[in-house]
Amino acid sequence: MTEPKSMERQKGVALWRQIADRIRASIAQGDYDATGMVPPEMQLAEAFGVNRHTVRSALAALGQEGLVRSVQGRGTLIDRKDKFSFPIARRTRFTEGIGEQARNVEGLLLSSGCEPADAEVAKWLKLAVGAPVIRLEALRKADGRALSRSTTWFPAGRFDGIDAAFRRTGSITMALMEQGVSDYLRDVTQVSATHAEPDDVAQLALTPGAIVLVTRALNTDLDGIPIQYAVTRFPADRVEFTIMN
């Protein structure tokens, strides 16, 4: 079993959250695979230089995420669940990519509206700032597990009604087909990681401080014209990315 390394405290981040991040990373790296257990609370407290209450708070948060569970008389067991592998390729499709790994894939429209494009959206979609765009807020699930929440923008002049199409189909690909786009390509994908925001906690059933993977992606039609810009947030403990050529 790998011993936790001493920790440099981060200003503005709760100590229990920092410890939860370190334990989560150790689990992901396989540091505890030999025993399948997180080290005892006292051992973690000594290693991190904190009291047991702080360690207990970190473990409780990880328990709410489903990463660990406390077993009376044994300690804290790692509760592994297989991650979904989300392929990022020239043709990236959520339903197809996840559908091969799940019995049921859902796309739920949380809200939608028409709004003027801000500078970021306008830049990605190559529109004038203030041009009308359709915004969709969506939640995706696989076998009942929330896998992503996304905010997606489409040029309003070309895709009026795409919100209703997505509500009916639960699929961006099928909604685009209803709008006359039978095929499209992934032009850019940017990936980063951050802590969960309040909306992530509520909609993805995460604990405060959980890690989410964030993608910013642009899709174009076959003529290279931008049709969709999306910012999507994935729970890091449920989804991993596979980059495909």
Foldseek 3Di string as FASTA:
>chain_A
DDQQAEDDDDPPDDPLLVLLVSVVVCVVVCVCVVPQFDDALVSSCVRHVHDSVSPVVSLVQCVLVVQWDQDPPPGIGGRADDAQEQEDEFAGWRCVRRVVVAVDKAKAWPDKDKWFADPVRCVQQVHDGGQIKIWTWIWMDGPRATFKIKIKIFRCVQQPPLSVLCNVVRTSQRSVVVSPQNGKTWDDKDKDKDWDDPVCCVRRVHGGSFMKIWIWTWMDGPVRRTGMTMIMIGRPSHYDYDYDD
